[in-house]
Amino acid sequence: LNKKSNTRKICLAYAGEHFHFEKKIIKIANNNKKWEIKYFARNQTNKNFPKNIKIFKPSKDKFLKYMKLTKCVLCTSGFQLTQECIFNNIPVAIMPCSQQHFEQVFNFNKYTKILKWAVPITSNLNLDKLSKRNINKYTNNLKKLLLNRNQIIKKNIKKIIKNH
């Protein structure tokens, strides 16, 4: 991702499934009025968004445009976007879309408590503080893991073949 220089306070928000996500980002927007929140979601249940939230239907091109400008990301705790944020050195806050969604809860715990890649989304989340979070260590570690990925996969396949 080729990040663009930007002085605007832009926060990108995305929710594939969003149950309680909208309520949280509305509170976050109200507490961070100087921030523009670009919210991508298939369906919005709330009709009374604060003025600093701009709503978009999912669009790869528009999302990528804002991803290049964003200072931080708010999203549900899916696999792909969280890792893209870390890979691109973008601070991210996450929450499970539902406590009944096993993968989302698992990822949330792994990314916030074990790997420390992300912070939990809370109603009083400070976007200035989130955007200044130094994640260089996590970005560098992820890039190192991906660099050796092919060799590790080949080595593991050889072990499996040898043992069968």
C-alpha atoms as a PDB file:
ATOM      1  CA  LEU A   1       0.000   0.000   0.000  1.00  0.00           C
ATOM      2  CA  ASN A   2       1.451   3.342  -0.997  1.00  0.00           C
ATOM      3  CA  LYS A   3       0.348   5.600   1.838  1.00  0.00           C
ATOM      4  CA  LYS A   4      -0.256   9.220   0.913  1.00  0.00           C
ATOM      5  CA  SER A   5       0.775  12.146   3.039  1.00  0.00           C
ATOM      6  CA  ASN A   6      -2.285  13.537   4.741  1.00  0.00           C
ATOM      7  CA  THR A   7      -2.858  16.081   7.488  1.00  0.00           C
ATOM      8  CA  ARG A   8      -6.593  15.371   7.818  1.00  0.00           C
ATOM      9  CA  LYS A   9      -7.736  13.204  10.715  1.00  0.00           C
ATOM     10  CA  ILE A  10      -9.307  10.330   8.790  1.00  0.00           C
ATOM     11  CA  CYS A  11     -10.334   7.082  10.447  1.00  0.00           C
ATOM     12  CA  LEU A  12     -11.568   4.199   8.330  1.00  0.00           C
ATOM     13  CA  ALA A  13     -14.316   1.980   9.767  1.00  0.00           C
ATOM     14  CA  TYR A  14     -15.468  -1.310   8.267  1.00  0.00           C
ATOM     15  CA  ALA A  15     -17.923  -3.940   9.378  1.00  0.00           C
ATOM     16  CA  GLY A  16     -18.983  -6.951   7.321  1.00  0.00           C
ATOM     17  CA  GLU A  17     -21.392  -8.021  10.037  1.00  0.00           C
ATOM     18  CA  HIS A  18     -21.925  -5.244  12.488  1.00  0.00           C
ATOM     19  CA  PHE A  19     -24.533  -5.927  15.210  1.00  0.00           C
ATOM     20  CA  HIS A  20     -23.129  -3.616  17.934  1.00  0.00           C
ATOM     21  CA  PHE A  21     -20.424  -1.985  15.804  1.00  0.00           C
ATOM     22  CA  GLU A  22     -22.543   0.988  14.714  1.00  0.00           C
ATOM     23  CA  LYS A  23     -23.427   1.954  18.277  1.00  0.00           C
ATOM     24  CA  LYS A  24     -19.753   1.947  19.218  1.00  0.00           C
ATOM     25  CA  ILE A  25     -18.564   4.025  16.273  1.00  0.00           C
ATOM     26  CA  ILE A  26     -21.342   6.573  16.853  1.00  0.00           C
ATOM     27  CA  LYS A  27     -20.098   7.028  20.435  1.00  0.00           C
ATOM     28  CA  ILE A  28     -16.492   7.163  19.213  1.00  0.00           C
ATOM     29  CA  ALA A  29     -17.428   9.767  16.586  1.00  0.00           C
ATOM     30  CA  ASN A  30     -19.223  11.882  19.181  1.00  0.00           C
ATOM     31  CA  ASN A  31     -16.128  11.746  21.429  1.00  0.00           C
ATOM     32  CA  ASN A  32     -13.722  12.495  18.550  1.00  0.00           C
ATOM     33  CA  LYS A  33     -15.481  15.314  16.679  1.00  0.00           C
ATOM     34  CA  LYS A  34     -12.325  16.507  14.873  1.00  0.00           C
ATOM     35  CA  TRP A  35     -12.023  13.143  13.125  1.00  0.00           C
ATOM     36  CA  GLU A  36     -13.649  12.187   9.813  1.00  0.00           C
ATOM     37  CA  ILE A  37     -14.854   8.595  10.011  1.00  0.00           C
ATOM     38  CA  LYS A  38     -15.334   6.875   6.656  1.00  0.00           C
ATOM     39  CA  TYR A  39     -17.721   4.021   7.470  1.00  0.00           C
ATOM     40  CA  PHE A  40     -18.095   1.136   5.027  1.00  0.00           C
ATOM     41  CA  ALA A  41     -20.966  -1.294   5.658  1.00  0.00           C
ATOM     42  CA  ARG A  42     -23.517  -3.218   3.619  1.00  0.00           C
ATOM     43  CA  ASN A  43     -26.443  -2.143   5.778  1.00  0.00           C
ATOM     44  CA  GLN A  44     -26.798   0.575   8.345  1.00  0.00           C
ATOM     45  CA  THR A  45     -29.436   0.194  11.036  1.00  0.00           C
ATOM     46  CA  ASN A  46     -29.048   3.676  12.467  1.00  0.00           C
ATOM     47  CA  LYS A  47     -30.312   6.704  10.567  1.00  0.00           C
ATOM     48  CA  ASN A  48     -28.922   9.359  12.922  1.00  0.00           C
ATOM     49  CA  PHE A  49     -25.172   9.339  12.400  1.00  0.00           C
ATOM     50  CA  PRO A  50     -23.061  12.235  13.662  1.00  0.00           C
ATOM     51  CA  LYS A  51     -21.885  14.672  10.980  1.00  0.00           C
ATOM     52  CA  ASN A  52     -18.302  13.397  11.176  1.00  0.00           C
ATOM     53  CA  ILE A  53     -19.315   9.917   9.941  1.00  0.00           C
ATOM     54  CA  LYS A  54     -19.611   9.520   6.183  1.00  0.00           C
ATOM     55  CA  ILE A  55     -21.273   6.270   5.090  1.00  0.00           C
ATOM     56  CA  PHE A  56     -20.265   4.213   2.067  1.00  0.00           C
ATOM     57  CA  LYS A  57     -21.464   0.969   0.565  1.00  0.00           C
ATOM     58  CA  PRO A  58     -18.545  -1.478   0.225  1.00  0.00           C
ATOM     59  CA  SER A  59     -16.387  -0.512  -2.742  1.00  0.00           C
ATOM     60  CA  LYS A  60     -12.839  -1.788  -3.258  1.00  0.00           C
ATOM     61  CA  ASP A  61     -11.691   1.352  -5.070  1.00  0.00           C
ATOM     62  CA  LYS A  62     -13.128   3.823  -2.570  1.00  0.00           C
ATOM     63  CA  PHE A  63     -11.966   1.726   0.384  1.00  0.00           C
ATOM     64  CA  LEU A  64      -8.413   1.560  -1.004  1.00  0.00           C
ATOM     65  CA  LYS A  65      -8.458   5.328  -1.606  1.00  0.00           C
ATOM     66  CA  TYR A  66      -9.215   5.960   2.075  1.00  0.00           C
ATOM     67  CA  MET A  67      -6.933   3.166   3.264  1.00  0.00           C
ATOM     68  CA  LYS A  68      -4.050   5.140   1.733  1.00  0.00           C
ATOM     69  CA  LEU A  69      -5.092   8.253   3.696  1.00  0.00           C
ATOM     70  CA  THR A  70      -6.260   6.811   6.993  1.00  0.00           C
ATOM     71  CA  LYS A  71      -4.491   7.374  10.289  1.00  0.00           C
ATOM     72  CA  CYS A  72      -6.229   4.398  11.955  1.00  0.00           C
ATOM     73  CA  VAL A  73      -8.885   1.737  11.378  1.00  0.00           C
ATOM     74  CA  LEU A  74     -11.886   0.500  13.358  1.00  0.00           C
ATOM     75  CA  CYS A  75     -13.247  -2.896  12.336  1.00  0.00           C
ATOM     76  CA  THR A  76     -14.752  -6.154  13.440  1.00  0.00           C
ATOM     77  CA  SER A  77     -12.148  -8.767  14.324  1.00  0.00           C
ATOM     78  CA  GLY A  78     -11.919 -10.573  11.045  1.00  0.00           C
ATOM     79  CA  PHE A  79      -8.671 -12.024   9.763  1.00  0.00           C
ATOM     80  CA  GLN A  80      -7.891 -10.105   6.578  1.00  0.00           C
ATOM     81  CA  LEU A  81      -8.358  -6.404   7.385  1.00  0.00           C
ATOM     82  CA  THR A  82      -6.617  -6.637  10.754  1.00  0.00           C
ATOM     83  CA  GLN A  83      -3.572  -8.227   9.141  1.00  0.00           C
ATOM     84  CA  GLU A  84      -3.612  -5.733   6.261  1.00  0.00           C
ATOM     85  CA  CYS A  85      -3.540  -2.904   8.791  1.00  0.00           C
ATOM     86  CA  ILE A  86      -0.580  -4.397  10.636  1.00  0.00           C
ATOM     87  CA  PHE A  87       1.250  -5.167   7.397  1.00  0.00           C
ATOM     88  CA  ASN A  88       0.759  -1.545   6.279  1.00  0.00           C
ATOM     89  CA  ASN A  89       1.649  -0.092   9.697  1.00  0.00           C
ATOM     90  CA  ILE A  90      -1.833   1.299  10.357  1.00  0.00           C
ATOM     91  CA  PRO A  91      -3.019   1.217  13.994  1.00  0.00           C
ATOM     92  CA  VAL A  92      -6.240  -0.745  14.361  1.00  0.00           C
ATOM     93  CA  ALA A  93      -8.942  -1.197  16.995  1.00  0.00           C
ATOM     94  CA  ILE A  94     -11.223  -4.216  16.767  1.00  0.00           C
ATOM     95  CA  MET A  95     -14.279  -5.863  18.276  1.00  0.00           C
ATOM     96  CA  PRO A  96     -16.072  -9.151  17.546  1.00  0.00           C
ATOM     97  CA  CYS A  97     -19.210  -8.688  15.460  1.00  0.00           C
ATOM     98  CA  SER A  98     -20.899 -11.016  17.960  1.00  0.00           C
ATOM     99  CA  GLN A  99     -19.899 -13.013  21.019  1.00  0.00           C
ATOM    100  CA  GLN A 100     -21.491 -16.057  19.308  1.00  0.00           C
ATOM    101  CA  HIS A 101     -19.200 -15.797  16.280  1.00  0.00           C
ATOM    102  CA  PHE A 102     -16.341 -18.165  17.219  1.00  0.00           C
ATOM    103  CA  GLU A 103     -13.776 -16.916  14.681  1.00  0.00           C
ATOM    104  CA  GLN A 104     -14.382 -13.259  15.570  1.00  0.00           C
ATOM    105  CA  VAL A 105     -13.994 -13.907  19.304  1.00  0.00           C
ATOM    106  CA  PHE A 106     -10.902 -16.060  18.702  1.00  0.00           C
ATOM    107  CA  ASN A 107      -9.283 -13.390  16.492  1.00  0.00           C
ATOM    108  CA  PHE A 108     -10.192 -10.634  18.949  1.00  0.00           C
ATOM    109  CA  ASN A 109      -8.461 -12.447  21.809  1.00  0.00           C
ATOM    110  CA  LYS A 110      -5.452 -13.403  19.685  1.00  0.00           C
ATOM    111  CA  TYR A 111      -4.922  -9.932  18.176  1.00  0.00           C
ATOM    112  CA  THR A 112      -5.548  -7.872  21.328  1.00  0.00           C
ATOM    113  CA  LYS A 113      -4.243 -10.081  24.149  1.00  0.00           C
ATOM    114  CA  ILE A 114      -1.616 -12.403  22.655  1.00  0.00           C
ATOM    115  CA  LEU A 115      -0.092 -10.679  19.607  1.00  0.00           C
ATOM    116  CA  LYS A 116      -1.046  -7.145  20.766  1.00  0.00           C
ATOM    117  CA  TRP A 117      -1.540  -6.076  17.153  1.00  0.00           C
ATOM    118  CA  ALA A 118      -4.814  -4.313  17.917  1.00  0.00           C
ATOM    119  CA  VAL A 119      -6.586  -2.606  20.777  1.00  0.00           C
ATOM    120  CA  PRO A 120     -10.205  -3.259  21.746  1.00  0.00           C
ATOM    121  CA  ILE A 121     -12.876  -0.912  20.465  1.00  0.00           C
ATOM    122  CA  THR A 122     -14.461   0.831  23.421  1.00  0.00           C
ATOM    123  CA  SER A 123     -17.039   3.619  23.507  1.00  0.00           C
ATOM    124  CA  ASN A 124     -14.443   6.032  24.878  1.00  0.00           C
ATOM    125  CA  LEU A 125     -11.681   5.142  22.379  1.00  0.00           C
ATOM    126  CA  ASN A 126      -9.433   8.140  21.722  1.00  0.00           C
ATOM    127  CA  LEU A 127      -8.610   8.256  17.999  1.00  0.00           C
ATOM    128  CA  ASP A 128      -5.684  10.652  18.530  1.00  0.00           C
ATOM    129  CA  LYS A 129      -4.110   8.134  20.875  1.00  0.00           C
ATOM    130  CA  LEU A 130      -4.920   5.172  18.606  1.00  0.00           C
ATOM    131  CA  SER A 131      -3.482   6.908  15.528  1.00  0.00           C
ATOM    132  CA  LYS A 132      -0.199   7.569  17.362  1.00  0.00           C
ATOM    133  CA  ARG A 133       0.167   3.959  18.523  1.00  0.00           C
ATOM    134  CA  ASN A 134       3.580   2.684  17.461  1.00  0.00           C
ATOM    135  CA  ILE A 135       3.129  -0.694  15.797  1.00  0.00           C
ATOM    136  CA  ASN A 136       6.461  -0.836  13.913  1.00  0.00           C
ATOM    137  CA  LYS A 137       7.563  -3.902  15.899  1.00  0.00           C
ATOM    138  CA  TYR A 138       4.419  -5.829  14.912  1.00  0.00           C
ATOM    139  CA  THR A 139       4.635  -4.712  11.272  1.00  0.00           C
ATOM    140  CA  ASN A 140       8.271  -5.796  11.014  1.00  0.00           C
ATOM    141  CA  ASN A 141       7.581  -9.169  12.667  1.00  0.00           C
ATOM    142  CA  LEU A 142       4.657  -9.888  10.325  1.00  0.00           C
ATOM    143  CA  LYS A 143       6.711  -8.988   7.267  1.00  0.00           C
ATOM    144  CA  LYS A 144       9.530 -11.309   8.416  1.00  0.00           C
ATOM    145  CA  LEU A 145       7.046 -14.158   8.885  1.00  0.00           C
ATOM    146  CA  LEU A 146       5.631 -13.637   5.403  1.00  0.00           C
ATOM    147  CA  LEU A 147       9.089 -13.400   3.866  1.00  0.00           C
ATOM    148  CA  ASN A 148       9.932 -16.968   4.952  1.00  0.00           C
ATOM    149  CA  ARG A 149       6.425 -18.354   4.460  1.00  0.00           C
ATOM    150  CA  ASN A 150       7.115 -20.266   1.239  1.00  0.00           C
ATOM    151  CA  GLN A 151      10.188 -21.996   2.656  1.00  0.00           C
ATOM    152  CA  ILE A 152       8.305 -22.978   5.827  1.00  0.00           C
ATOM    153  CA  ILE A 153       5.386 -24.393   3.811  1.00  0.00           C
ATOM    154  CA  LYS A 154       7.732 -26.420   1.577  1.00  0.00           C
ATOM    155  CA  LYS A 155       9.617 -27.746   4.612  1.00  0.00           C
ATOM    156  CA  ASN A 156       6.363 -28.802   6.327  1.00  0.00           C
ATOM    157  CA  ILE A 157       5.061 -30.508   3.170  1.00  0.00           C
ATOM    158  CA  LYS A 158       8.306 -32.492   2.896  1.00  0.00           C
ATOM    159  CA  LYS A 159       7.924 -33.589   6.527  1.00  0.00           C
ATOM    160  CA  ILE A 160       4.351 -34.692   5.936  1.00  0.00           C
ATOM    161  CA  ILE A 161       5.301 -36.662   2.809  1.00  0.00           C
ATOM    162  CA  LYS A 162       8.253 -38.262   4.584  1.00  0.00           C
ATOM    163  CA  ASN A 163       6.074 -39.345   7.538  1.00  0.00           C
ATOM    164  CA  HIS A 164       3.390 -40.956   5.384  1.00  0.00           C
END
